Amino acid sequence: MAQYKGAASEAGRAMQLMKKRERQREEMEQLRQKIAEENVVKSNINKKFSAHYDAVEAELKSSTVGLVTLNDMKAKQEALVKEREKQLAKKEQYKDLQLKLEKQREKERKKEQKRKIASLSFNLDEDETEEGEGEEDLDPQDIPTKKKKKQLGKNPDVDTSFLPDRDREEEENRLREELRQEWEAKQEKIKSEEIEITFSYWDGSGHRRTVKMKKGNTMQQFLQKALEILRKDFSELRSAGVEQLMYIKEDLIIPHHHSFYDFIVTKARGKSGPLFNFDVHEDVRLLSDATVEKDESHAGKVVLRSWYEKNKHIFPASRWEPYDPEKKWDKYTIR
């Protein structure tokens, strides 16, 4: 290195500047090595990021010619990294926009294709007629001999009633709903009709009474009304409630929740007669065919549950059994 010949102070100043430049050169070299190492590590993750940092390094080299302080170098590097990230983000946005435009064009193309298909005529006769009218105006010699192309389409003569049809289904649902409402109105009318119930309070002997009820009333409602009639004549019933009473019809114990309507519409039968007739005929059968409908029936019995528990081993309580709608009676008997 050439020696500086001059004042001692100038020589010292020159030496300090040379040392400072040497330090800056070392820092610059360390920074470049660090950037290079980061680029090598990040290149293993994704080539895109490798290209990104390579571009930043190249831009950093080109923009830092000469002596630059470490702070300026870092600031410049950060600015270049941000600028590069902005460029990549814009590029991604541009790609997304291009993809959306492609999808939009594809949708429009498909829509146009569907519109063209929907606008096709399926009436083969009209096409043939139009061709025939056009050919009538021409000289037969001028018409080239070519085979007529057949167009595919729907055949109007084919029965399509078995195929799904929204309008037809809506009409069927509407008619079905009208019929349902009409049927329910008829059933409500039947339930509101009055019938005369002949019953007998049974305490070992019969005490016959009659009461008018509606067909839609339940056995519990009937027993409540029967209890009101019987209380004034029988002291044991004055403190009794409906839950303590039983209704026996044709030797079957009828549950409280059943209604007269249930037995009338189903034509239910019991052990000794029909359950759907509640008036009384004196013609009592000893043995008969239950499949032949007759309007002969016995008066139903209203019984205290306590009396039944004491006497259920004695006739006629020994014949009584709970009503089972699944059980069918082929013969009527009173034995």
C-alpha atoms as a PDB file:
ATOM      1  CA  MET A   1       0.000   0.000   0.000  1.00  0.00           C
ATOM      2  CA  ALA A   2       1.366   3.467  -0.900  1.00  0.00           C
ATOM      3  CA  GLN A   3       2.439   5.609   1.998  1.00  0.00           C
ATOM      4  CA  TYR A   4       0.757   8.959   2.501  1.00  0.00           C
ATOM      5  CA  LYS A   5       3.250  11.797   2.665  1.00  0.00           C
ATOM      6  CA  GLY A   6       1.814  14.831   4.394  1.00  0.00           C
ATOM      7  CA  ALA A   7       0.855  16.155   7.810  1.00  0.00           C
ATOM      8  CA  ALA A   8       0.469  13.635  10.610  1.00  0.00           C
ATOM      9  CA  SER A   9      -3.166  14.608  11.268  1.00  0.00           C
ATOM     10  CA  GLU A  10      -4.034  14.069   7.625  1.00  0.00           C
ATOM     11  CA  ALA A  11      -2.385  10.680   7.712  1.00  0.00           C
ATOM     12  CA  GLY A  12      -4.370   9.628  10.780  1.00  0.00           C
ATOM     13  CA  ARG A  13      -7.639  10.794   9.203  1.00  0.00           C
ATOM     14  CA  ALA A  14      -6.881   8.865   6.040  1.00  0.00           C
ATOM     15  CA  MET A  15      -6.145   5.748   8.087  1.00  0.00           C
ATOM     16  CA  GLN A  16      -9.498   6.012   9.928  1.00  0.00           C
ATOM     17  CA  LEU A  17     -11.375   6.372   6.638  1.00  0.00           C
ATOM     18  CA  MET A  18      -9.631   3.304   5.232  1.00  0.00           C
ATOM     19  CA  LYS A  19     -10.521   1.253   8.354  1.00  0.00           C
ATOM     20  CA  LYS A  20     -14.132   2.453   8.184  1.00  0.00           C
ATOM     21  CA  ARG A  21     -14.396   1.441   4.550  1.00  0.00           C
ATOM     22  CA  GLU A  22     -12.891  -1.942   5.372  1.00  0.00           C
ATOM     23  CA  ARG A  23     -15.490  -2.512   8.121  1.00  0.00           C
ATOM     24  CA  GLN A  24     -18.345  -1.487   5.777  1.00  0.00           C
ATOM     25  CA  ARG A  25     -16.992  -3.860   3.141  1.00  0.00           C
ATOM     26  CA  GLU A  26     -16.943  -6.718   5.670  1.00  0.00           C
ATOM     27  CA  GLU A  27     -20.482  -5.907   6.855  1.00  0.00           C
ATOM     28  CA  MET A  28     -21.654  -5.796   3.254  1.00  0.00           C
ATOM     29  CA  GLU A  29     -20.046  -9.146   2.585  1.00  0.00           C
ATOM     30  CA  GLN A  30     -21.644 -10.637   5.727  1.00  0.00           C
ATOM     31  CA  LEU A  31     -25.038  -9.260   4.706  1.00  0.00           C
ATOM     32  CA  ARG A  32     -24.705 -10.726   1.237  1.00  0.00           C
ATOM     33  CA  GLN A  33     -23.696 -14.091   2.674  1.00  0.00           C
ATOM     34  CA  LYS A  34     -26.689 -14.002   5.025  1.00  0.00           C
ATOM     35  CA  ILE A  35     -29.054 -13.191   2.149  1.00  0.00           C
ATOM     36  CA  ALA A  36     -27.489 -15.985   0.106  1.00  0.00           C
ATOM     37  CA  GLU A  37     -27.952 -18.479   2.963  1.00  0.00           C
ATOM     38  CA  GLU A  38     -31.603 -17.438   3.414  1.00  0.00           C
ATOM     39  CA  ASN A  39     -32.175 -17.860  -0.299  1.00  0.00           C
ATOM     40  CA  VAL A  40     -30.675 -21.356  -0.194  1.00  0.00           C
ATOM     41  CA  VAL A  41     -32.929 -22.385   2.747  1.00  0.00           C
ATOM     42  CA  LYS A  42     -36.065 -20.906   1.242  1.00  0.00           C
ATOM     43  CA  SER A  43     -35.392 -22.414  -2.166  1.00  0.00           C
ATOM     44  CA  ASN A  44     -36.050 -25.835  -0.626  1.00  0.00           C
ATOM     45  CA  ILE A  45     -39.535 -24.724   0.446  1.00  0.00           C
ATOM     46  CA  ASN A  46     -40.830 -23.323  -2.790  1.00  0.00           C
ATOM     47  CA  LYS A  47     -39.263 -22.325  -6.062  1.00  0.00           C
ATOM     48  CA  LYS A  48     -41.534 -19.342  -6.220  1.00  0.00           C
ATOM     49  CA  PHE A  49     -40.081 -17.907  -3.033  1.00  0.00           C
ATOM     50  CA  SER A  50     -36.562 -18.704  -4.295  1.00  0.00           C
ATOM     51  CA  ALA A  51     -37.209 -16.689  -7.431  1.00  0.00           C
ATOM     52  CA  HIS A  52     -38.686 -13.974  -5.254  1.00  0.00           C
ATOM     53  CA  TYR A  53     -35.591 -13.627  -3.070  1.00  0.00           C
ATOM     54  CA  ASP A  54     -33.218 -14.005  -6.021  1.00  0.00           C
ATOM     55  CA  ALA A  55     -34.981 -11.088  -7.674  1.00  0.00           C
ATOM     56  CA  VAL A  56     -34.696  -9.083  -4.441  1.00  0.00           C
ATOM     57  CA  GLU A  57     -30.971  -9.826  -4.199  1.00  0.00           C
ATOM     58  CA  ALA A  58     -30.376  -8.867  -7.808  1.00  0.00           C
ATOM     59  CA  GLU A  59     -32.313  -5.645  -7.311  1.00  0.00           C
ATOM     60  CA  LEU A  60     -30.380  -4.983  -4.090  1.00  0.00           C
ATOM     61  CA  LYS A  61     -27.025  -5.458  -5.848  1.00  0.00           C
ATOM     62  CA  SER A  62     -27.978  -3.157  -8.675  1.00  0.00           C
ATOM     63  CA  SER A  63     -29.246  -0.406  -6.368  1.00  0.00           C
ATOM     64  CA  THR A  64     -26.371  -0.449  -3.847  1.00  0.00           C
ATOM     65  CA  VAL A  65     -23.378   0.560  -5.929  1.00  0.00           C
ATOM     66  CA  GLY A  66     -20.583   2.101  -3.882  1.00  0.00           C
ATOM     67  CA  LEU A  67     -20.348   2.547  -0.134  1.00  0.00           C
ATOM     68  CA  VAL A  68     -23.663   2.213   1.759  1.00  0.00           C
ATOM     69  CA  THR A  69     -24.214   2.115   5.518  1.00  0.00           C
ATOM     70  CA  LEU A  70     -25.697  -0.970   7.184  1.00  0.00           C
ATOM     71  CA  ASN A  71     -28.941   0.833   8.134  1.00  0.00           C
ATOM     72  CA  ASP A  72     -29.398   2.104   4.580  1.00  0.00           C
ATOM     73  CA  MET A  73     -28.706  -1.387   3.301  1.00  0.00           C
ATOM     74  CA  LYS A  74     -31.344  -2.936   5.593  1.00  0.00           C
ATOM     75  CA  ALA A  75     -33.900  -0.244   4.773  1.00  0.00           C
ATOM     76  CA  LYS A  76     -33.291  -0.738   1.063  1.00  0.00           C
ATOM     77  CA  GLN A  77     -33.617  -4.506   1.435  1.00  0.00           C
ATOM     78  CA  GLU A  78     -36.941  -4.232   3.321  1.00  0.00           C
ATOM     79  CA  ALA A  79     -38.304  -1.789   0.726  1.00  0.00           C
ATOM     80  CA  LEU A  80     -37.341  -4.147  -2.104  1.00  0.00           C
ATOM     81  CA  VAL A  81     -38.904  -7.152  -0.334  1.00  0.00           C
ATOM     82  CA  LYS A  82     -42.193  -5.263   0.179  1.00  0.00           C
ATOM     83  CA  GLU A  83     -42.199  -4.079  -3.406  1.00  0.00           C
ATOM     84  CA  ARG A  84     -41.565  -7.599  -4.649  1.00  0.00           C
ATOM     85  CA  GLU A  85     -44.385  -8.995  -2.458  1.00  0.00           C
ATOM     86  CA  LYS A  86     -46.757  -6.352  -3.839  1.00  0.00           C
ATOM     87  CA  GLN A  87     -45.837  -7.388  -7.376  1.00  0.00           C
ATOM     88  CA  LEU A  88     -46.446 -11.062  -6.577  1.00  0.00           C
ATOM     89  CA  ALA A  89     -49.795 -10.227  -4.932  1.00  0.00           C
ATOM     90  CA  LYS A  90     -50.855  -8.247  -8.007  1.00  0.00           C
ATOM     91  CA  LYS A  91     -49.802 -11.144 -10.194  1.00  0.00           C
ATOM     92  CA  GLU A  92     -51.926 -13.572  -8.127  1.00  0.00           C
ATOM     93  CA  GLN A  93     -54.884 -11.183  -8.286  1.00  0.00           C
ATOM     94  CA  TYR A  94     -54.487 -10.963 -12.030  1.00  0.00           C
ATOM     95  CA  LYS A  95     -54.452 -14.764 -12.294  1.00  0.00           C
ATOM     96  CA  ASP A  96     -57.591 -15.010 -10.142  1.00  0.00           C
ATOM     97  CA  LEU A  97     -59.306 -12.402 -12.293  1.00  0.00           C
ATOM     98  CA  GLN A  98     -58.350 -14.281 -15.444  1.00  0.00           C
ATOM     99  CA  LEU A  99     -59.724 -17.518 -13.931  1.00  0.00           C
ATOM    100  CA  LYS A 100     -63.025 -15.819 -13.010  1.00  0.00           C
ATOM    101  CA  LEU A 101     -63.329 -14.381 -16.514  1.00  0.00           C
ATOM    102  CA  GLU A 102     -62.722 -17.835 -18.003  1.00  0.00           C
ATOM    103  CA  LYS A 103     -65.425 -19.347 -15.772  1.00  0.00           C
ATOM    104  CA  GLN A 104     -67.841 -16.558 -16.698  1.00  0.00           C
ATOM    105  CA  ARG A 105     -67.179 -17.126 -20.412  1.00  0.00           C
ATOM    106  CA  GLU A 106     -67.716 -20.866 -19.948  1.00  0.00           C
ATOM    107  CA  LYS A 107     -71.055 -20.263 -18.174  1.00  0.00           C
ATOM    108  CA  GLU A 108     -72.186 -17.895 -20.916  1.00  0.00           C
ATOM    109  CA  ARG A 109     -71.147 -20.409 -23.565  1.00  0.00           C
ATOM    110  CA  LYS A 110     -73.128 -23.206 -21.866  1.00  0.00           C
ATOM    111  CA  LYS A 111     -76.133 -20.926 -21.416  1.00  0.00           C
ATOM    112  CA  GLU A 112     -76.041 -19.971 -25.079  1.00  0.00           C
ATOM    113  CA  GLN A 113     -75.763 -23.622 -26.038  1.00  0.00           C
ATOM    114  CA  LYS A 114     -78.793 -24.521 -23.895  1.00  0.00           C
ATOM    115  CA  ARG A 115     -80.752 -21.631 -25.387  1.00  0.00           C
ATOM    116  CA  LYS A 116     -79.995 -22.841 -28.901  1.00  0.00           C
ATOM    117  CA  ILE A 117     -81.009 -26.398 -27.995  1.00  0.00           C
ATOM    118  CA  ALA A 118     -84.243 -25.189 -26.366  1.00  0.00           C
ATOM    119  CA  SER A 119     -85.100 -23.090 -29.428  1.00  0.00           C
ATOM    120  CA  LEU A 120     -84.983 -26.133 -31.731  1.00  0.00           C
ATOM    121  CA  SER A 121     -88.340 -27.202 -33.174  1.00  0.00           C
ATOM    122  CA  PHE A 122     -89.507 -30.725 -32.384  1.00  0.00           C
ATOM    123  CA  ASN A 123     -92.334 -30.696 -34.941  1.00  0.00           C
ATOM    124  CA  LEU A 124     -91.052 -32.696 -37.882  1.00  0.00           C
ATOM    125  CA  ASP A 125     -94.145 -32.019 -40.017  1.00  0.00           C
ATOM    126  CA  GLU A 126     -93.553 -28.258 -40.003  1.00  0.00           C
ATOM    127  CA  ASP A 127     -89.951 -28.647 -41.167  1.00  0.00           C
ATOM    128  CA  GLU A 128     -91.003 -30.981 -43.952  1.00  0.00           C
ATOM    129  CA  THR A 129     -93.824 -28.626 -44.975  1.00  0.00           C
ATOM    130  CA  GLU A 130     -91.488 -25.630 -45.129  1.00  0.00           C
ATOM    131  CA  GLU A 131     -89.030 -27.565 -47.268  1.00  0.00           C
ATOM    132  CA  GLY A 132     -91.857 -28.726 -49.518  1.00  0.00           C
ATOM    133  CA  GLU A 133     -93.170 -25.169 -50.009  1.00  0.00           C
ATOM    134  CA  GLY A 134     -89.696 -23.941 -50.890  1.00  0.00           C
ATOM    135  CA  GLU A 135     -89.177 -26.705 -53.429  1.00  0.00           C
ATOM    136  CA  GLU A 136     -92.509 -26.071 -55.180  1.00  0.00           C
ATOM    137  CA  ASP A 137     -91.263 -22.707 -56.448  1.00  0.00           C
ATOM    138  CA  LEU A 138     -88.176 -24.270 -58.015  1.00  0.00           C
ATOM    139  CA  ASP A 139     -87.845 -26.244 -61.173  1.00  0.00           C
ATOM    140  CA  PRO A 140     -87.561 -29.949 -60.397  1.00  0.00           C
ATOM    141  CA  GLN A 141     -84.470 -30.116 -62.618  1.00  0.00           C
ATOM    142  CA  ASP A 142     -82.789 -27.409 -60.518  1.00  0.00           C
ATOM    143  CA  ILE A 143     -83.322 -29.299 -57.283  1.00  0.00           C
ATOM    144  CA  PRO A 144     -80.232 -31.376 -56.464  1.00  0.00           C
ATOM    145  CA  THR A 145     -80.855 -34.999 -55.571  1.00  0.00           C
ATOM    146  CA  LYS A 146     -79.905 -35.237 -51.934  1.00  0.00           C
ATOM    147  CA  LYS A 147     -81.037 -37.406 -49.081  1.00  0.00           C
ATOM    148  CA  LYS A 148     -83.252 -35.563 -46.586  1.00  0.00           C
ATOM    149  CA  LYS A 149     -81.759 -35.433 -43.112  1.00  0.00           C
ATOM    150  CA  LYS A 150     -83.994 -36.681 -40.331  1.00  0.00           C
ATOM    151  CA  GLN A 151     -84.228 -34.495 -37.267  1.00  0.00           C
ATOM    152  CA  LEU A 152     -84.452 -36.113 -33.873  1.00  0.00           C
ATOM    153  CA  GLY A 153     -87.058 -34.803 -31.436  1.00  0.00           C
ATOM    154  CA  LYS A 154     -90.051 -35.622 -29.279  1.00  0.00           C
ATOM    155  CA  ASN A 155     -92.829 -37.774 -30.662  1.00  0.00           C
ATOM    156  CA  PRO A 156     -96.189 -36.111 -29.843  1.00  0.00           C
ATOM    157  CA  ASP A 157     -98.028 -39.444 -30.272  1.00  0.00           C
ATOM    158  CA  VAL A 158     -96.241 -41.137 -27.343  1.00  0.00           C
ATOM    159  CA  ASP A 159     -98.145 -41.363 -24.042  1.00  0.00           C
ATOM    160  CA  THR A 160     -96.170 -39.452 -21.389  1.00  0.00           C
ATOM    161  CA  SER A 161     -98.763 -39.619 -18.604  1.00  0.00           C
ATOM    162  CA  PHE A 162     -96.484 -41.890 -16.557  1.00  0.00           C
ATOM    163  CA  LEU A 163     -93.708 -39.288 -16.502  1.00  0.00           C
ATOM    164  CA  PRO A 164     -93.425 -36.764 -13.644  1.00  0.00           C
ATOM    165  CA  ASP A 165     -95.539 -33.678 -14.242  1.00  0.00           C
ATOM    166  CA  ARG A 166     -95.545 -30.830 -11.742  1.00  0.00           C
ATOM    167  CA  ASP A 167     -98.927 -29.402 -12.815  1.00  0.00           C
ATOM    168  CA  ARG A 168    -100.594 -32.816 -12.758  1.00  0.00           C
ATOM    169  CA  GLU A 169     -99.134 -33.610  -9.344  1.00  0.00           C
ATOM    170  CA  GLU A 170    -100.323 -30.282  -7.948  1.00  0.00           C
ATOM    171  CA  GLU A 171    -103.823 -30.949  -9.289  1.00  0.00           C
ATOM    172  CA  GLU A 172    -103.844 -34.450  -7.768  1.00  0.00           C
ATOM    173  CA  ASN A 173    -102.677 -33.077  -4.405  1.00  0.00           C
ATOM    174  CA  ARG A 174    -105.403 -30.432  -4.510  1.00  0.00           C
ATOM    175  CA  LEU A 175    -108.101 -33.032  -5.256  1.00  0.00           C
ATOM    176  CA  ARG A 176    -106.695 -35.325  -2.568  1.00  0.00           C
ATOM    177  CA  GLU A 177    -106.839 -32.494  -0.021  1.00  0.00           C
ATOM    178  CA  GLU A 178    -110.442 -31.650  -1.016  1.00  0.00           C
ATOM    179  CA  LEU A 179    -111.469 -35.301  -0.611  1.00  0.00           C
ATOM    180  CA  ARG A 180    -109.735 -35.489   2.772  1.00  0.00           C
ATOM    181  CA  GLN A 181    -111.538 -32.372   4.008  1.00  0.00           C
ATOM    182  CA  GLU A 182    -114.853 -33.690   2.659  1.00  0.00           C
ATOM    183  CA  TRP A 183    -114.325 -37.046   4.413  1.00  0.00           C
ATOM    184  CA  GLU A 184    -113.415 -35.337   7.701  1.00  0.00           C
ATOM    185  CA  ALA A 185    -116.521 -33.138   7.471  1.00  0.00           C
ATOM    186  CA  LYS A 186    -118.697 -36.245   6.988  1.00  0.00           C
ATOM    187  CA  GLN A 187    -117.075 -37.984   9.954  1.00  0.00           C
ATOM    188  CA  GLU A 188    -117.578 -34.927  12.157  1.00  0.00           C
ATOM    189  CA  LYS A 189    -121.231 -34.860  11.100  1.00  0.00           C
ATOM    190  CA  ILE A 190    -121.578 -38.535  12.073  1.00  0.00           C
ATOM    191  CA  LYS A 191    -119.912 -37.912  15.433  1.00  0.00           C
ATOM    192  CA  SER A 192    -122.315 -35.074  16.201  1.00  0.00           C
ATOM    193  CA  GLU A 193    -125.398 -37.285  15.616  1.00  0.00           C
ATOM    194  CA  GLU A 194    -127.325 -38.273  18.777  1.00  0.00           C
ATOM    195  CA  ILE A 195    -128.098 -41.863  19.775  1.00  0.00           C
ATOM    196  CA  GLU A 196    -130.110 -43.302  22.647  1.00  0.00           C
ATOM    197  CA  ILE A 197    -128.066 -45.549  24.919  1.00  0.00           C
ATOM    198  CA  THR A 198    -129.907 -48.185  26.944  1.00  0.00           C
ATOM    199  CA  PHE A 199    -127.848 -49.401  29.887  1.00  0.00           C
ATOM    200  CA  SER A 200    -128.369 -51.249  33.133  1.00  0.00           C
ATOM    201  CA  TYR A 201    -126.745 -50.510  36.465  1.00  0.00           C
ATOM    202  CA  TRP A 202    -125.688 -53.967  37.684  1.00  0.00           C
ATOM    203  CA  ASP A 203    -125.292 -54.757  41.390  1.00  0.00           C
ATOM    204  CA  GLY A 204    -126.409 -58.358  41.136  1.00  0.00           C
ATOM    205  CA  SER A 205    -129.657 -57.377  39.444  1.00  0.00           C
ATOM    206  CA  GLY A 206    -130.345 -54.985  36.594  1.00  0.00           C
ATOM    207  CA  HIS A 207    -131.696 -51.436  36.882  1.00  0.00           C
ATOM    208  CA  ARG A 208    -132.320 -50.193  33.350  1.00  0.00           C
ATOM    209  CA  ARG A 209    -131.935 -46.559  32.311  1.00  0.00           C
ATOM    210  CA  THR A 210    -131.630 -44.639  29.036  1.00  0.00           C
ATOM    211  CA  VAL A 211    -129.561 -41.600  28.160  1.00  0.00           C
ATOM    212  CA  LYS A 212    -128.943 -39.641  24.957  1.00  0.00           C
ATOM    213  CA  MET A 213    -125.351 -39.204  23.848  1.00  0.00           C
ATOM    214  CA  LYS A 214    -123.472 -38.173  20.713  1.00  0.00           C
ATOM    215  CA  LYS A 215    -121.717 -40.804  18.641  1.00  0.00           C
ATOM    216  CA  GLY A 216    -118.411 -39.017  19.147  1.00  0.00           C
ATOM    217  CA  ASN A 217    -118.614 -39.184  22.956  1.00  0.00           C
ATOM    218  CA  THR A 218    -116.232 -41.503  24.809  1.00  0.00           C
ATOM    219  CA  MET A 219    -117.160 -44.148  27.370  1.00  0.00           C
ATOM    220  CA  GLN A 220    -115.795 -41.901  30.107  1.00  0.00           C
ATOM    221  CA  GLN A 221    -118.209 -39.110  29.116  1.00  0.00           C
ATOM    222  CA  PHE A 222    -121.059 -41.631  28.978  1.00  0.00           C
ATOM    223  CA  LEU A 223    -120.235 -43.010  32.449  1.00  0.00           C
ATOM    224  CA  GLN A 224    -120.083 -39.467  33.853  1.00  0.00           C
ATOM    225  CA  LYS A 225    -123.591 -38.777  32.590  1.00  0.00           C
ATOM    226  CA  ALA A 226    -124.875 -42.188  33.739  1.00  0.00           C
ATOM    227  CA  LEU A 227    -123.394 -41.537  37.195  1.00  0.00           C
ATOM    228  CA  GLU A 228    -125.293 -38.259  37.463  1.00  0.00           C
ATOM    229  CA  ILE A 229    -128.558 -40.133  36.684  1.00  0.00           C
ATOM    230  CA  LEU A 230    -127.895 -43.045  39.057  1.00  0.00           C
ATOM    231  CA  ARG A 231    -126.608 -41.137  42.102  1.00  0.00           C
ATOM    232  CA  LYS A 232    -130.047 -40.036  43.278  1.00  0.00           C
ATOM    233  CA  ASP A 233    -131.288 -43.656  43.383  1.00  0.00           C
ATOM    234  CA  PHE A 234    -128.238 -45.558  44.640  1.00  0.00           C
ATOM    235  CA  SER A 235    -126.424 -44.403  47.761  1.00  0.00           C
ATOM    236  CA  GLU A 236    -123.228 -46.375  47.029  1.00  0.00           C
ATOM    237  CA  LEU A 237    -122.693 -44.235  43.912  1.00  0.00           C
ATOM    238  CA  ARG A 238    -122.906 -40.845  45.655  1.00  0.00           C
ATOM    239  CA  SER A 239    -119.218 -40.858  46.594  1.00  0.00           C
ATOM    240  CA  ALA A 240    -118.023 -42.814  43.537  1.00  0.00           C
ATOM    241  CA  GLY A 241    -116.116 -41.301  40.601  1.00  0.00           C
ATOM    242  CA  VAL A 242    -116.024 -42.197  36.938  1.00  0.00           C
ATOM    243  CA  GLU A 243    -112.713 -44.041  37.337  1.00  0.00           C
ATOM    244  CA  GLN A 244    -114.471 -46.451  39.748  1.00  0.00           C
ATOM    245  CA  LEU A 245    -117.068 -47.487  37.134  1.00  0.00           C
ATOM    246  CA  MET A 246    -116.842 -50.082  34.361  1.00  0.00           C
ATOM    247  CA  TYR A 247    -118.899 -50.384  31.189  1.00  0.00           C
ATOM    248  CA  ILE A 248    -119.643 -53.944  30.038  1.00  0.00           C
ATOM    249  CA  LYS A 249    -121.022 -54.442  26.527  1.00  0.00           C
ATOM    250  CA  GLU A 250    -121.683 -57.942  25.113  1.00  0.00           C
ATOM    251  CA  ASP A 251    -119.532 -59.511  27.880  1.00  0.00           C
ATOM    252  CA  LEU A 252    -116.536 -57.289  27.049  1.00  0.00           C
ATOM    253  CA  ILE A 253    -115.059 -54.649  29.390  1.00  0.00           C
ATOM    254  CA  ILE A 254    -114.842 -51.516  27.264  1.00  0.00           C
ATOM    255  CA  PRO A 255    -111.906 -49.137  28.006  1.00  0.00           C
ATOM    256  CA  HIS A 256    -112.877 -45.554  28.896  1.00  0.00           C
ATOM    257  CA  HIS A 257    -110.996 -43.944  25.984  1.00  0.00           C
ATOM    258  CA  HIS A 258    -113.032 -45.655  23.241  1.00  0.00           C
ATOM    259  CA  SER A 259    -115.965 -43.783  21.698  1.00  0.00           C
ATOM    260  CA  PHE A 260    -119.300 -45.041  20.325  1.00  0.00           C
ATOM    261  CA  TYR A 261    -118.122 -43.850  16.899  1.00  0.00           C
ATOM    262  CA  ASP A 262    -115.188 -46.315  17.032  1.00  0.00           C
ATOM    263  CA  PHE A 263    -117.514 -49.309  17.311  1.00  0.00           C
ATOM    264  CA  ILE A 264    -120.080 -47.984  14.821  1.00  0.00           C
ATOM    265  CA  VAL A 265    -117.664 -47.373  11.924  1.00  0.00           C
ATOM    266  CA  THR A 266    -115.753 -50.649  12.465  1.00  0.00           C
ATOM    267  CA  LYS A 267    -118.914 -52.766  12.991  1.00  0.00           C
ATOM    268  CA  ALA A 268    -117.201 -54.335  16.014  1.00  0.00           C
ATOM    269  CA  ARG A 269    -118.580 -57.522  17.533  1.00  0.00           C
ATOM    270  CA  GLY A 270    -118.551 -58.878  21.054  1.00  0.00           C
ATOM    271  CA  LYS A 271    -118.963 -62.313  22.598  1.00  0.00           C
ATOM    272  CA  SER A 272    -122.767 -62.193  22.756  1.00  0.00           C
ATOM    273  CA  GLY A 273    -123.789 -59.545  20.217  1.00  0.00           C
ATOM    274  CA  PRO A 274    -122.767 -56.525  18.140  1.00  0.00           C
ATOM    275  CA  LEU A 275    -120.964 -53.630  19.846  1.00  0.00           C
ATOM    276  CA  PHE A 276    -122.285 -51.032  17.393  1.00  0.00           C
ATOM    277  CA  ASN A 277    -125.953 -51.172  18.522  1.00  0.00           C
ATOM    278  CA  PHE A 278    -126.776 -49.508  21.829  1.00  0.00           C
ATOM    279  CA  ASP A 279    -130.551 -49.914  21.939  1.00  0.00           C
ATOM    280  CA  VAL A 280    -132.111 -53.192  23.154  1.00  0.00           C
ATOM    281  CA  HIS A 281    -134.166 -55.930  21.504  1.00  0.00           C
ATOM    282  CA  GLU A 282    -135.802 -58.648  23.582  1.00  0.00           C
ATOM    283  CA  ASP A 283    -134.828 -61.352  21.070  1.00  0.00           C
ATOM    284  CA  VAL A 284    -131.770 -62.736  22.866  1.00  0.00           C
ATOM    285  CA  ARG A 285    -129.869 -65.538  21.092  1.00  0.00           C
ATOM    286  CA  LEU A 286    -128.404 -68.590  22.701  1.00  0.00           C
ATOM    287  CA  LEU A 287    -126.208 -69.393  19.661  1.00  0.00           C
ATOM    288  CA  SER A 288    -125.904 -67.568  16.355  1.00  0.00           C
ATOM    289  CA  ASP A 289    -123.560 -66.833  13.482  1.00  0.00           C
ATOM    290  CA  ALA A 290    -121.693 -63.570  14.087  1.00  0.00           C
ATOM    291  CA  THR A 291    -120.947 -63.128  10.375  1.00  0.00           C
ATOM    292  CA  VAL A 292    -124.660 -62.523   9.686  1.00  0.00           C
ATOM    293  CA  GLU A 293    -125.373 -58.991  10.846  1.00  0.00           C
ATOM    294  CA  LYS A 294    -128.489 -58.545  12.975  1.00  0.00           C
ATOM    295  CA  ASP A 295    -129.619 -55.553  14.987  1.00  0.00           C
ATOM    296  CA  GLU A 296    -130.117 -57.640  18.146  1.00  0.00           C
ATOM    297  CA  SER A 297    -128.092 -56.484  21.149  1.00  0.00           C
ATOM    298  CA  HIS A 298    -128.074 -56.533  24.939  1.00  0.00           C
ATOM    299  CA  ALA A 299    -128.176 -53.569  27.243  1.00  0.00           C
ATOM    300  CA  GLY A 300    -124.697 -52.564  28.368  1.00  0.00           C
ATOM    301  CA  LYS A 301    -123.965 -52.856  32.087  1.00  0.00           C
ATOM    302  CA  VAL A 302    -122.566 -50.105  34.318  1.00  0.00           C
ATOM    303  CA  VAL A 303    -120.759 -51.761  37.234  1.00  0.00           C
ATOM    304  CA  LEU A 304    -118.734 -50.590  40.199  1.00  0.00           C
ATOM    305  CA  ARG A 305    -115.172 -51.874  39.931  1.00  0.00           C
ATOM    306  CA  SER A 306    -115.250 -52.968  43.584  1.00  0.00           C
ATOM    307  CA  TRP A 307    -118.371 -55.122  42.939  1.00  0.00           C
ATOM    308  CA  TYR A 308    -116.631 -56.761  39.952  1.00  0.00           C
ATOM    309  CA  GLU A 309    -113.500 -57.588  41.959  1.00  0.00           C
ATOM    310  CA  LYS A 310    -115.659 -59.341  44.602  1.00  0.00           C
ATOM    311  CA  ASN A 311    -117.877 -61.251  42.162  1.00  0.00           C
ATOM    312  CA  LYS A 312    -115.748 -61.894  39.072  1.00  0.00           C
ATOM    313  CA  HIS A 313    -115.796 -65.654  39.791  1.00  0.00           C
ATOM    314  CA  ILE A 314    -119.624 -65.728  39.636  1.00  0.00           C
ATOM    315  CA  PHE A 315    -121.799 -65.658  36.508  1.00  0.00           C
ATOM    316  CA  PRO A 316    -122.223 -63.337  34.607  1.00  0.00           C
ATOM    317  CA  ALA A 317    -119.028 -61.526  35.708  1.00  0.00           C
ATOM    318  CA  SER A 318    -117.056 -64.740  35.121  1.00  0.00           C
ATOM    319  CA  ARG A 319    -117.684 -64.322  31.350  1.00  0.00           C
ATOM    320  CA  TRP A 320    -116.424 -60.778  31.151  1.00  0.00           C
ATOM    321  CA  GLU A 321    -113.004 -60.066  29.670  1.00  0.00           C
ATOM    322  CA  PRO A 322    -111.174 -56.917  28.484  1.00  0.00           C
ATOM    323  CA  TYR A 323    -111.980 -55.735  24.965  1.00  0.00           C
ATOM    324  CA  ASP A 324    -109.270 -56.553  22.388  1.00  0.00           C
ATOM    325  CA  PRO A 325    -109.812 -54.999  18.915  1.00  0.00           C
ATOM    326  CA  GLU A 326    -107.543 -57.666  17.357  1.00  0.00           C
ATOM    327  CA  LYS A 327    -109.681 -60.534  18.615  1.00  0.00           C
ATOM    328  CA  LYS A 328    -112.488 -61.680  16.308  1.00  0.00           C
ATOM    329  CA  TRP A 329    -115.674 -63.452  17.417  1.00  0.00           C
ATOM    330  CA  ASP A 330    -117.080 -65.923  14.871  1.00  0.00           C
ATOM    331  CA  LYS A 331    -119.968 -67.052  17.087  1.00  0.00           C
ATOM    332  CA  TYR A 332    -122.228 -65.202  19.497  1.00  0.00           C
ATOM    333  CA  THR A 333    -122.924 -67.021  22.754  1.00  0.00           C
ATOM    334  CA  ILE A 334    -124.416 -66.191  26.176  1.00  0.00           C
ATOM    335  CA  ARG A 335    -123.255 -69.389  27.907  1.00  0.00           C
END
